Protein backbone atom coordinates (compact mmCIF):
# COMPACT_ATOMS: atom_id res chain seq x y z
CA MET A 1 8.99 25.17 -5.09
CA LYS A 2 10.60 22.03 -6.67
CA ALA A 3 8.35 19.16 -7.77
CA VAL A 4 8.63 16.14 -10.08
CA GLN A 5 6.16 16.15 -13.02
CA PHE A 6 5.55 14.27 -16.25
CA SER A 7 4.00 15.69 -19.42
CA GLU A 8 3.80 12.52 -21.38
CA TYR A 9 3.38 8.81 -20.49
CA GLY A 10 6.44 6.41 -20.53
CA SER A 11 9.46 5.07 -18.73
CA ALA A 12 10.98 6.51 -15.84
CA ASP A 13 12.77 9.09 -17.94
CA VAL A 14 9.72 11.18 -18.36
CA LEU A 15 9.77 12.41 -14.78
CA LYS A 16 11.33 15.85 -14.68
CA TYR A 17 12.42 17.83 -11.61
CA VAL A 18 10.95 21.26 -12.13
CA ASP A 19 10.19 24.66 -10.63
CA LEU A 20 6.44 25.48 -9.93
CA ALA A 21 4.47 27.95 -7.97
CA ILE A 22 3.59 27.00 -4.36
CA PRO A 23 -0.09 26.13 -4.27
CA THR A 24 -2.72 28.50 -3.05
CA ILE A 25 -5.36 27.30 -0.60
CA SER A 26 -8.99 27.58 -0.40
CA ASP A 27 -10.90 28.20 2.87
CA GLN A 28 -11.09 24.66 3.83
CA GLU A 29 -7.64 23.72 2.80
CA VAL A 30 -4.43 23.35 4.60
CA LEU A 31 -0.90 24.09 3.09
CA VAL A 32 1.64 21.39 4.00
CA GLU A 33 5.38 21.58 3.82
CA ILE A 34 6.05 18.04 2.85
CA ARG A 35 8.78 16.23 4.76
CA ALA A 36 8.28 12.76 3.45
CA ILE A 37 6.68 11.09 0.23
CA GLY A 38 5.62 7.58 -0.23
CA VAL A 39 6.49 5.68 -3.41
CA ASN A 40 3.91 3.10 -4.78
CA PHE A 41 3.16 1.12 -7.87
CA ALA A 42 0.23 3.52 -8.35
CA ASP A 43 2.73 6.21 -9.10
CA THR A 44 4.41 3.98 -11.88
CA ALA A 45 1.01 3.05 -13.32
CA ARG A 46 0.12 6.93 -13.40
CA ARG A 47 3.35 7.47 -15.14
CA GLU A 48 2.77 4.78 -17.89
CA GLY A 49 -0.81 5.79 -18.55
CA LYS A 50 -2.16 2.40 -17.08
CA TYR A 51 -3.77 3.66 -13.92
CA VAL A 52 -7.31 2.42 -12.98
CA VAL A 53 -8.71 5.94 -13.70
CA PRO A 54 -7.42 8.44 -16.41
CA THR A 55 -4.34 10.72 -15.66
CA LYS A 56 -4.48 14.11 -17.19
CA LEU A 57 -1.24 15.70 -18.10
CA PRO A 58 0.85 17.28 -17.07
CA PHE A 59 0.78 15.49 -13.64
CA ILE A 60 2.45 15.63 -10.41
CA PRO A 61 2.51 11.98 -9.08
CA GLY A 62 2.37 10.95 -5.33
CA CYS A 63 -0.58 10.16 -3.16
CA GLU A 64 1.10 9.61 0.21
CA MET A 65 2.67 12.56 2.11
CA ALA A 66 3.62 13.58 5.60
CA GLY A 67 4.80 16.89 6.74
CA VAL A 68 4.17 20.17 8.77
CA VAL A 69 1.08 22.63 8.53
CA VAL A 70 2.43 26.00 7.26
CA ALA A 71 -0.92 27.81 6.67
CA VAL A 72 -4.57 27.24 6.94
CA GLY A 73 -7.79 28.50 5.14
CA LYS A 74 -9.91 30.71 7.22
CA GLU A 75 -12.64 27.91 7.83
CA VAL A 76 -10.18 25.19 8.86
CA LYS A 77 -10.98 24.19 12.46
CA GLN A 78 -9.05 21.09 13.28
CA PHE A 79 -5.43 22.20 12.31
CA LYS A 80 -2.99 24.91 12.95
CA PRO A 81 0.47 25.83 11.68
CA GLY A 82 3.10 23.72 13.14
CA MET A 83 1.06 20.48 13.46
CA ARG A 84 2.73 17.27 12.09
CA VAL A 85 0.12 15.55 9.52
CA VAL A 86 -0.13 12.81 7.12
CA SER A 87 -2.59 12.26 4.28
CA LEU A 88 -3.61 10.20 1.43
CA ILE A 89 -4.26 12.52 -1.57
CA GLU A 90 -5.27 12.12 -5.32
CA SER A 91 -1.96 13.59 -6.53
CA GLY A 92 0.63 16.09 -5.98
CA ALA A 93 2.98 14.63 -3.17
CA TYR A 94 6.07 14.56 -5.32
CA ALA A 95 6.60 18.37 -4.42
CA GLN A 96 8.00 20.60 -1.57
CA TYR A 97 4.26 21.75 -0.67
CA VAL A 98 0.84 20.58 -1.29
CA ASN A 99 -2.63 21.87 -0.54
CA VAL A 100 -4.99 19.32 1.24
CA HIS A 101 -8.63 19.55 2.32
CA GLU A 102 -8.68 19.31 6.12
CA MET A 103 -11.13 16.52 6.04
CA VAL A 104 -8.53 14.06 4.75
CA LEU A 105 -5.67 15.00 7.12
CA SER A 106 -4.71 13.11 10.21
CA GLU A 107 -2.43 14.21 12.96
CA VAL A 108 0.92 12.37 13.49
CA PRO A 109 1.79 11.27 17.13
CA GLU A 110 4.93 12.56 18.41
CA GLY A 111 6.31 9.05 18.68
CA VAL A 112 5.86 8.41 14.92
CA SER A 113 8.47 9.88 12.34
CA PHE A 114 7.41 11.40 9.04
CA ASN A 115 9.11 8.53 7.26
CA GLU A 116 7.13 6.00 9.34
CA ALA A 117 3.71 8.03 8.90
CA VAL A 118 4.15 8.09 5.16
CA THR A 119 4.08 4.20 4.96
CA LEU A 120 0.57 4.04 6.19
CA PRO A 121 -2.01 5.98 4.16
CA LEU A 122 -1.96 3.77 1.14
CA GLN A 123 -0.15 0.56 1.91
CA GLY A 124 -0.98 0.55 5.73
CA GLN A 125 -4.88 1.10 4.84
CA THR A 126 -4.64 -1.36 1.92
CA ALA A 127 -3.21 -4.12 4.26
CA TYR A 128 -5.63 -3.15 7.11
CA HIS A 129 -8.95 -3.23 4.81
CA ILE A 130 -8.14 -6.30 2.52
CA LEU A 131 -7.96 -8.22 5.76
CA THR A 132 -10.92 -6.73 7.58
CA THR A 133 -13.26 -4.95 5.44
CA MET A 134 -12.91 -7.13 2.41
CA GLY A 135 -11.35 -10.29 3.96
CA ARG A 136 -13.63 -10.47 7.07
CA LEU A 137 -10.76 -12.03 9.03
CA GLU A 138 -11.96 -13.97 11.97
CA LYS A 139 -9.79 -15.11 14.86
CA GLY A 140 -7.86 -18.39 14.20
CA GLU A 141 -8.09 -18.18 10.40
CA THR A 142 -5.12 -18.96 8.25
CA VAL A 143 -4.05 -16.15 5.79
CA LEU A 144 -1.67 -16.46 2.74
CA VAL A 145 0.05 -13.27 2.06
CA HIS A 146 2.01 -12.84 -1.53
CA ALA A 147 5.04 -10.67 -1.81
CA ALA A 148 5.36 -10.57 1.85
CA ALA A 149 8.61 -8.53 1.89
CA GLY A 150 6.87 -5.71 -0.08
CA GLY A 151 5.23 -2.64 1.31
CA VAL A 152 1.68 -3.97 1.63
CA GLY A 153 2.77 -7.61 2.10
CA ALA A 154 5.12 -6.88 5.17
CA LEU A 155 2.35 -4.78 6.92
CA SER A 156 -0.19 -7.60 6.02
CA VAL A 157 1.72 -10.33 7.82
CA GLN A 158 2.01 -8.34 11.00
CA LEU A 159 -1.60 -7.01 10.85
CA ALA A 160 -2.95 -10.42 10.22
CA LYS A 161 -1.26 -11.67 13.48
CA LEU A 162 -2.57 -8.38 15.51
CA LEU A 163 -5.90 -9.13 14.20
CA GLY A 164 -6.05 -12.64 15.40
CA ALA A 165 -5.00 -14.98 12.49
CA GLY A 166 -4.13 -18.37 13.68
CA LYS A 167 -1.64 -18.99 11.06
CA VAL A 168 0.18 -16.63 8.37
CA ILE A 169 1.89 -18.23 5.48
CA ALA A 170 4.04 -15.83 3.39
CA THR A 171 5.37 -16.08 0.01
CA ALA A 172 8.39 -14.32 -1.49
CA SER A 173 10.76 -14.71 -4.31
CA THR A 174 14.33 -14.85 -2.65
CA ASP A 175 15.78 -16.28 0.46
CA ASP A 176 16.47 -12.89 2.03
CA LYS A 177 12.72 -11.82 1.43
CA LEU A 178 11.51 -15.09 2.91
CA LYS A 179 13.79 -14.57 5.90
CA HIS A 180 12.38 -10.98 6.30
CA ALA A 181 8.78 -12.13 6.17
CA LYS A 182 9.70 -14.91 8.95
CA ASP A 183 11.30 -11.96 11.03
CA LEU A 184 7.89 -10.03 10.73
CA GLY A 185 6.05 -13.03 12.22
CA ALA A 186 5.06 -15.37 9.52
CA ASP A 187 4.42 -18.91 10.66
CA HIS A 188 5.72 -20.45 7.35
CA VAL A 189 7.34 -19.11 4.10
CA VAL A 190 7.15 -20.31 0.64
CA ASN A 191 9.07 -19.32 -2.52
CA TYR A 192 6.34 -18.56 -5.04
CA THR A 193 9.00 -18.85 -8.02
CA GLU A 194 9.36 -22.69 -7.22
CA PRO A 195 7.16 -25.32 -9.21
CA GLY A 196 4.29 -26.61 -7.08
CA TRP A 197 4.52 -23.89 -4.48
CA GLU A 198 0.53 -23.98 -4.17
CA GLN A 199 0.89 -27.61 -3.14
CA GLN A 200 3.27 -26.55 -0.34
CA VAL A 201 0.72 -24.10 0.91
CA ARG A 202 -1.90 -26.77 0.91
CA GLU A 203 0.45 -29.21 2.83
CA LEU A 204 0.93 -26.43 5.41
CA THR A 205 -2.71 -26.36 6.05
CA ASP A 206 -3.02 -30.15 6.31
CA GLY A 207 -4.80 -30.14 2.89
CA LYS A 208 -7.63 -27.69 3.91
CA GLY A 209 -6.31 -24.48 2.33
CA VAL A 210 -6.21 -20.94 3.35
CA ASP A 211 -9.26 -18.96 4.52
CA ILE A 212 -8.06 -15.70 3.20
CA ALA A 213 -5.44 -15.16 0.25
CA LEU A 214 -4.24 -11.65 -0.55
CA GLU A 215 -3.30 -11.54 -4.17
CA MET A 216 -1.75 -8.65 -6.22
CA VAL A 217 0.25 -10.43 -8.91
CA GLY A 218 -2.29 -11.57 -11.32
CA GLY A 219 -2.06 -14.17 -14.33
CA THR A 220 -0.57 -17.48 -13.42
CA ILE A 221 -0.12 -16.66 -9.81
CA PHE A 222 -3.87 -15.80 -9.48
CA ASN A 223 -4.86 -19.17 -10.71
CA GLN A 224 -2.36 -21.03 -8.50
CA THR A 225 -3.78 -19.09 -5.54
CA LEU A 226 -7.23 -20.09 -6.14
CA LYS A 227 -6.03 -23.77 -5.61
CA CYS A 228 -4.85 -22.76 -2.20
CA LEU A 229 -8.30 -21.58 -0.95
CA ALA A 230 -10.26 -23.55 1.67
CA ALA A 231 -14.03 -23.99 1.74
CA PHE A 232 -15.58 -20.56 2.28
CA GLY A 233 -12.18 -19.09 1.38
CA ARG A 234 -11.85 -15.49 0.24
CA LEU A 235 -9.38 -14.47 -2.46
CA ILE A 236 -8.74 -10.61 -2.35
CA ILE A 237 -7.40 -8.87 -5.35
CA PHE A 238 -5.66 -5.47 -4.75
CA GLY A 239 -3.41 -5.48 -7.80
CA ALA A 240 -2.01 -6.94 -10.92
CA ALA A 241 1.71 -6.32 -10.81
CA SER A 242 2.50 -8.91 -13.51
CA GLY A 243 0.30 -7.06 -15.98
CA GLU A 244 -1.22 -10.45 -17.01
CA GLU A 245 -4.90 -11.11 -17.20
CA SER A 246 -6.53 -13.44 -14.82
CA ASN A 247 -8.90 -15.71 -16.47
CA PHE A 248 -10.74 -18.49 -14.55
CA ASN A 249 -14.17 -20.31 -14.68
CA ALA A 250 -16.24 -18.62 -12.02
CA GLY A 251 -18.44 -21.77 -11.69
CA GLN A 252 -15.52 -23.45 -9.86
CA LEU A 253 -16.07 -21.17 -6.93
CA MET A 254 -19.54 -22.69 -6.19
CA ARG A 255 -18.09 -26.21 -5.38
CA LYS A 256 -16.71 -24.72 -1.80
CA ASN A 257 -18.49 -21.54 -1.42
CA GLN A 258 -15.40 -19.61 -2.30
CA SER A 259 -15.17 -15.83 -3.10
CA VAL A 260 -13.05 -13.65 -5.25
CA ILE A 261 -13.20 -10.13 -4.11
CA GLY A 262 -11.68 -6.95 -5.73
CA PHE A 263 -10.46 -4.06 -3.48
CA PHE A 264 -9.81 -0.44 -4.52
CA LEU A 265 -8.70 2.00 -1.76
CA PRO A 266 -10.42 5.10 -3.20
CA GLN A 267 -13.80 3.49 -2.44
CA ILE A 268 -12.72 3.44 1.26
CA MET A 269 -11.65 6.98 1.19
CA ALA A 270 -15.17 7.85 0.17
CA LYS A 271 -16.45 6.58 3.48
CA ARG A 272 -14.49 9.08 5.64
CA ALA A 273 -15.20 7.60 9.01
CA LEU A 274 -13.93 4.10 7.81
CA TYR A 275 -10.77 5.83 6.29
CA GLN A 276 -10.11 8.06 9.53
CA SER A 277 -10.58 5.43 12.13
CA SER A 278 -8.47 2.96 10.29
CA LEU A 279 -5.38 5.38 9.63
CA GLU A 280 -5.71 6.52 13.40
CA GLN A 281 -5.60 2.82 14.53
CA LEU A 282 -2.55 2.07 12.27
CA LEU A 283 -0.69 5.18 13.65
CA LYS A 284 -1.32 3.97 17.15
CA TYR A 285 0.06 0.53 16.39
CA VAL A 286 3.36 2.14 15.21
CA ASN A 287 3.32 4.62 18.33
CA ASP A 288 2.86 1.67 20.63
CA GLY A 289 5.53 -0.32 19.10
CA GLU A 290 3.20 -3.14 17.92
CA LEU A 291 3.59 -2.58 14.15
CA LYS A 292 7.10 -2.56 12.73
CA LEU A 293 7.59 -0.59 9.35
CA THR A 294 10.21 -1.38 7.04
CA ILE A 295 11.75 1.44 5.13
CA GLY A 296 13.55 0.01 2.19
CA GLY A 297 15.40 3.32 1.25
CA VAL A 298 15.12 7.05 1.63
CA TYR A 299 15.97 9.33 -1.54
CA ARG A 300 15.95 12.83 -2.57
CA LEU A 301 13.09 14.03 -4.56
CA ASP A 302 15.23 14.73 -7.65
CA GLU A 303 16.10 10.98 -7.50
CA ALA A 304 12.45 9.91 -8.28
CA ALA A 305 13.15 8.52 -11.77
CA GLU A 306 15.83 6.17 -10.23
CA VAL A 307 13.48 5.03 -7.48
CA HIS A 308 10.72 4.27 -10.10
CA ARG A 309 13.39 2.02 -11.82
CA LEU A 310 14.15 0.35 -8.52
CA LEU A 311 10.51 -0.28 -7.61
CA GLN A 312 9.67 -1.64 -11.01
CA GLY A 313 12.69 -3.96 -11.06
CA ARG A 314 11.81 -5.60 -8.01
CA GLN A 315 15.12 -4.75 -6.45
CA THR A 316 13.62 -3.27 -3.21
CA MET A 317 12.33 -4.55 -0.02
CA GLY A 318 9.92 -2.62 2.22
CA LYS A 319 8.72 1.02 1.69
CA LEU A 320 10.55 3.65 -0.50
CA VAL A 321 10.56 7.15 0.68
CA LEU A 322 11.26 10.42 -1.18
CA VAL A 323 12.44 13.53 0.91
CA PRO A 324 12.10 17.01 -0.78
């Protein structure tokens, strides 16, 4: 089979298009012919050796895949050849085939395409759980969503509305991205590259601040976002795209009973019932037409290096998909 692999850390140039053996499956595993692969910042962090957990070399990146079951282990009960499936896996999705334990697979409804399904395991579940499990969103609350035209951001805007948010304020860096966030249902949009953007957010909440802020940039943006929080507000950290450290005085949270909460999706995956139910709910939202998915581009697997450059250059909007 064809796959993309790297044997050293570095720029996108370390990604190589190679020939490898098709994986063998254990008794509880399923062999999937991959039809769509989700591209994420986690993949670029793996490639640079900067991921949250160590990355052993050589490594096949990719944690989101959708495809068709072609073979099953003798103890597999839930899946049969020909079934359409989607999964979040540890690695190995940048390939034509992958072996997956049946416990982390979900069936894809007929009304959902492979390209759509693959936007949900990482970014969809991140958006869902930062709002619900970590953010504890209550009906009528105000939510601030950064990078609202990106993969997680675009889903967060919509999910916040579906889950009962009273007001969604979206930020982005260009007029096109702000318009896209507005089209997705944001009540207000703010350009976070403009000086004093945090004051605009406070004005949009009549000085009260936001109940939930979703933050994945880090550095200066993190500290500015803290200024946007209301009393009892929750700031959820789910990334640090800027690479800057976020330093703040924790004691300042005491004045208004505010919280800063970290989020790491593998901890959700460890709770299978939580992971499975949320992915099924997201697939249902898409199948029922309630959740719109933005596919920013579909590329061949051998174009993975260029796709990484586009993603890291902030030249994209929506989900990037690779197709073997």
